[in-house]
Amino acid sequence: MPTPVDSWARRAALPALILVGILVTVVVPQFFPADGGPTGFDRSLGEHIHTSVGAHTWVYRVLVFPSNGYVVVPMLLAGVAWFAVRRQWWRAAFMFLAPELAIIMNSLVLKPFWDRQLQHYLAYPSGHTVHLVAVVTAFALVSESVRVRVSAAVVMAVVLPAVLVGMVGLGYHHPTDVIGGTGAAVALVAAAYLPFRYLTRTR
C-alpha cells in the first residue's frame, strides 16, 4: 500500500517534469549571441565533433536516422496500435495527438518566438528532436509503467547524443537546438498529460 510520501511523490513528479522541460527550453536561449548564432558551447562541441568524425557524411546520416520522419511516424503509429488493440482508446488517442500537438506548438509558437535563424530556417527548438522525444515521452507517460518509463529514459540517453552528433555534423542544427528541443518536447507532452490523467481517472 503506497504511503502518503509515495503518493505525494507521484503527484509531484509530473509537474516537476514539466518545470524542468520549461526551464531547459527557456534558459538555453539566454546564452544565444545577439545574432542568434552559435554559442561558445555550440562552437566547442561542433569543432570536437568535426575533428573526431571528420568529413564522413555517411556516419552523420546514420546517427541522425532515428529522428527522420520515416522512422518517427511509424513509431508513433506503432504506439497508437499498441493501445488500440487493447481497446485502451483514451491512451491511443493521447498517443496519437500529443506528439502532433507538440510539433504544432513548436512550429507555430516556439520557433517564431525565439527566431533563431540557420540556413534560412528557424532552428530553435529542433523540430526533428521535438517529434522524436514527444513520441517517446507520450508512450512512456500513457503506459504508466515504471519499467517502460525507465526503458524510454535509457533509450533516449543513448539515441539523443547520437542524433545530436549527426545533426551538428550535417549542419542541420547547433547542439543547443537539440537540447532545447528535448526540453520543449518533454514539457509540452507532459503538460498535455495532466488533463488526460485527470479525465481518465475521473472516468
Protein backbone atom coordinates (compact mmCIF):
# COMPACT_ATOMS: atom_id res chain seq x y z
CA MET A 1 0.00 0.00 0.00
CA PRO A 2 1.53 3.36 -1.01
CA THR A 3 2.48 5.68 1.84
CA PRO A 4 1.49 9.40 1.89
CA VAL A 5 5.07 10.23 0.89
CA ASP A 6 4.86 7.88 -2.11
CA SER A 7 1.54 9.37 -3.18
CA TRP A 8 2.90 12.92 -2.89
CA ALA A 9 6.00 11.99 -4.89
CA ARG A 10 3.86 10.54 -7.68
CA ARG A 11 1.67 13.64 -7.81
CA ALA A 12 4.71 15.93 -7.83
CA ALA A 13 6.67 14.01 -10.47
CA LEU A 14 4.70 15.24 -13.49
CA PRO A 15 4.70 18.96 -12.54
CA ALA A 16 8.42 18.65 -11.80
CA LEU A 17 8.99 17.14 -15.26
CA ILE A 18 7.07 19.99 -16.87
CA LEU A 19 9.04 22.58 -14.90
CA VAL A 20 12.40 21.07 -15.85
CA GLY A 21 11.39 20.96 -19.52
CA ILE A 22 10.27 24.60 -19.44
CA LEU A 23 13.46 25.71 -17.68
CA VAL A 24 15.66 23.98 -20.26
CA THR A 25 13.69 25.48 -23.15
CA VAL A 26 13.76 28.99 -21.71
CA VAL A 27 17.25 29.10 -20.19
CA VAL A 28 19.19 27.80 -23.22
CA PRO A 29 18.32 30.82 -25.45
CA GLN A 30 19.61 33.20 -22.80
CA PHE A 31 23.12 32.22 -23.93
CA PHE A 32 22.48 32.92 -27.62
CA PRO A 33 24.52 35.80 -29.08
CA ALA A 34 22.56 38.80 -30.37
CA ASP A 35 22.51 37.43 -33.94
CA GLY A 36 21.23 34.03 -32.80
CA GLY A 37 24.40 32.31 -33.96
CA PRO A 38 26.31 29.54 -32.19
CA THR A 39 27.15 29.87 -28.52
CA GLY A 40 30.61 29.11 -27.18
CA PHE A 41 29.33 25.67 -26.22
CA ASP A 42 27.99 25.14 -29.75
CA ARG A 43 31.32 26.07 -31.33
CA SER A 44 33.37 23.98 -28.93
CA LEU A 45 31.24 20.84 -29.29
CA GLY A 46 30.86 21.35 -33.05
CA GLU A 47 34.62 21.54 -33.51
CA HIS A 48 35.09 18.42 -31.40
CA ILE A 49 32.51 16.53 -33.46
CA HIS A 50 34.06 17.52 -36.79
CA THR A 51 37.55 16.73 -35.52
CA SER A 52 36.50 13.30 -34.23
CA VAL A 53 34.30 12.17 -37.12
CA GLY A 54 35.74 14.28 -39.90
CA ALA A 55 34.03 14.58 -43.27
CA HIS A 56 32.42 11.13 -43.22
CA THR A 57 28.93 12.27 -44.15
CA TRP A 58 27.53 8.74 -44.12
CA VAL A 59 28.34 8.46 -40.40
CA TYR A 60 26.34 11.59 -39.64
CA ARG A 61 23.42 10.30 -41.70
CA VAL A 62 23.41 7.02 -39.79
CA LEU A 63 23.46 8.86 -36.47
CA VAL A 64 20.63 11.21 -37.40
CA PHE A 65 18.49 8.37 -38.80
CA PRO A 66 16.28 7.85 -35.68
CA SER A 67 15.00 11.43 -35.92
CA ASN A 68 13.82 11.20 -39.52
CA GLY A 69 10.08 11.34 -40.18
CA TYR A 70 10.01 7.95 -41.89
CA VAL A 71 11.25 6.46 -38.61
CA VAL A 72 9.37 8.60 -36.08
CA VAL A 73 5.93 8.38 -37.74
CA PRO A 74 5.91 4.55 -37.81
CA MET A 75 7.00 4.62 -34.16
CA LEU A 76 4.05 6.88 -33.41
CA LEU A 77 1.59 4.65 -35.26
CA ALA A 78 3.01 1.54 -33.57
CA GLY A 79 2.40 3.17 -30.19
CA VAL A 80 -1.16 4.04 -31.16
CA ALA A 81 -1.75 0.46 -32.37
CA TRP A 82 -0.29 -0.94 -29.13
CA PHE A 83 -3.05 0.70 -27.10
CA ALA A 84 -5.78 0.36 -29.73
CA VAL A 85 -5.52 -3.44 -29.92
CA ARG A 86 -6.00 -3.47 -26.14
CA ARG A 87 -9.08 -1.25 -26.56
CA GLN A 88 -7.44 1.45 -24.48
CA TRP A 89 -8.95 4.17 -26.63
CA TRP A 90 -8.10 7.16 -24.45
CA ARG A 91 -4.47 6.11 -24.34
CA ALA A 92 -4.39 5.50 -28.10
CA ALA A 93 -5.89 8.95 -28.69
CA PHE A 94 -3.32 10.63 -26.45
CA MET A 95 -0.50 8.72 -28.11
CA PHE A 96 -1.70 9.96 -31.49
CA LEU A 97 -2.48 13.57 -30.61
CA ALA A 98 0.12 14.66 -28.05
CA PRO A 99 3.24 14.45 -30.28
CA GLU A 100 1.46 16.21 -33.13
CA LEU A 101 0.29 18.98 -30.82
CA ALA A 102 3.88 19.35 -29.62
CA ILE A 103 5.08 19.73 -33.22
CA ILE A 104 2.38 22.31 -33.97
CA MET A 105 3.20 24.34 -30.85
CA ASN A 106 6.89 24.18 -31.64
CA SER A 107 6.44 25.25 -35.27
CA LEU A 108 3.86 27.99 -34.74
CA VAL A 109 4.85 29.37 -31.33
CA LEU A 110 8.31 28.44 -30.05
CA LYS A 111 10.34 28.70 -33.25
CA PRO A 112 8.92 32.12 -34.27
CA PHE A 113 9.27 33.38 -30.70
CA TRP A 114 12.98 32.56 -30.42
CA ASP A 115 13.61 33.36 -34.10
CA ARG A 116 16.99 31.62 -34.34
CA GLN A 117 17.95 31.55 -38.00
CA LEU A 118 20.15 28.84 -39.50
CA GLN A 119 20.44 28.35 -43.25
CA HIS A 120 17.25 30.37 -43.84
CA TYR A 121 15.04 28.37 -41.46
CA LEU A 122 14.14 28.60 -37.78
CA ALA A 123 16.36 26.21 -35.87
CA TYR A 124 15.40 26.53 -32.20
CA PRO A 125 13.99 24.28 -30.83
CA SER A 126 14.89 21.47 -33.25
CA GLY A 127 11.68 20.15 -34.84
CA HIS A 128 13.09 16.69 -35.52
CA THR A 129 14.14 16.43 -31.88
CA VAL A 130 10.76 17.61 -30.64
CA HIS A 131 8.94 15.00 -32.72
CA LEU A 132 11.18 12.10 -31.67
CA VAL A 133 11.23 12.97 -27.97
CA ALA A 134 7.50 13.76 -27.95
CA VAL A 135 6.62 10.30 -29.31
CA VAL A 136 8.80 8.52 -26.76
CA THR A 137 7.58 10.73 -23.90
CA ALA A 138 3.93 10.21 -24.82
CA PHE A 139 4.33 6.43 -24.92
CA ALA A 140 6.18 6.42 -21.59
CA LEU A 141 3.60 8.59 -19.82
CA VAL A 142 0.46 6.98 -21.15
CA SER A 143 1.70 3.46 -20.40
CA GLU A 144 2.04 4.34 -16.69
CA SER A 145 4.62 1.57 -16.33
CA VAL A 146 7.76 2.30 -14.35
CA ARG A 147 9.66 -0.25 -16.44
CA VAL A 148 8.58 1.40 -19.69
CA ARG A 149 9.46 4.85 -18.39
CA VAL A 150 12.91 3.77 -17.26
CA SER A 151 13.49 1.98 -20.58
CA ALA A 152 12.40 5.09 -22.50
CA ALA A 153 14.80 7.26 -20.50
CA VAL A 154 17.67 4.85 -21.18
CA VAL A 155 16.88 4.69 -24.90
CA MET A 156 16.76 8.48 -25.16
CA ALA A 157 20.01 8.79 -23.22
CA VAL A 158 21.66 6.66 -25.92
CA VAL A 159 19.83 7.90 -29.02
CA LEU A 160 19.75 11.66 -28.43
CA PRO A 161 23.54 12.19 -28.23
CA ALA A 162 23.89 10.24 -31.48
CA VAL A 163 21.18 12.34 -33.14
CA LEU A 164 22.87 15.50 -31.86
CA VAL A 165 26.20 14.48 -33.39
CA GLY A 166 24.51 13.68 -36.69
CA MET A 167 22.60 16.96 -36.87
CA VAL A 168 25.63 19.04 -35.97
CA GLY A 169 27.84 17.13 -38.38
CA LEU A 170 25.41 17.68 -41.26
CA GLY A 171 24.99 21.34 -40.34
CA TYR A 172 21.27 20.98 -39.64
CA HIS A 173 21.39 22.32 -36.07
CA HIS A 174 23.53 23.68 -33.29
CA PRO A 175 23.83 21.42 -30.22
CA THR A 176 21.70 23.83 -28.20
CA ASP A 177 18.86 23.41 -30.72
CA VAL A 178 18.71 19.71 -29.87
CA ILE A 179 18.94 20.35 -26.12
CA GLY A 180 16.14 22.91 -26.33
CA GLY A 181 14.06 20.59 -28.49
CA THR A 182 14.33 17.88 -25.87
CA GLY A 183 13.17 20.21 -23.11
CA ALA A 184 10.32 21.59 -25.21
CA ALA A 185 9.03 18.14 -26.18
CA VAL A 186 9.06 16.87 -22.60
CA ALA A 187 7.32 19.99 -21.28
CA LEU A 188 4.63 20.07 -23.97
CA VAL A 189 3.72 16.38 -23.81
CA ALA A 190 3.83 16.25 -20.01
CA ALA A 191 1.61 19.36 -19.82
CA ALA A 192 -0.88 17.72 -22.19
CA TYR A 193 -0.84 14.62 -20.00
CA LEU A 194 -2.07 16.48 -16.91
CA PRO A 195 -5.70 16.92 -18.11
CA PHE A 196 -5.59 13.50 -19.78
CA ARG A 197 -4.66 11.85 -16.48
CA TYR A 198 -7.44 13.71 -14.68
CA LEU A 199 -10.06 12.73 -17.28
CA THR A 200 -9.12 9.06 -17.33
CA ARG A 201 -9.11 8.80 -13.53
CA THR A 202 -12.46 10.54 -13.14
CA ARG A 203 -13.93 8.16 -15.72
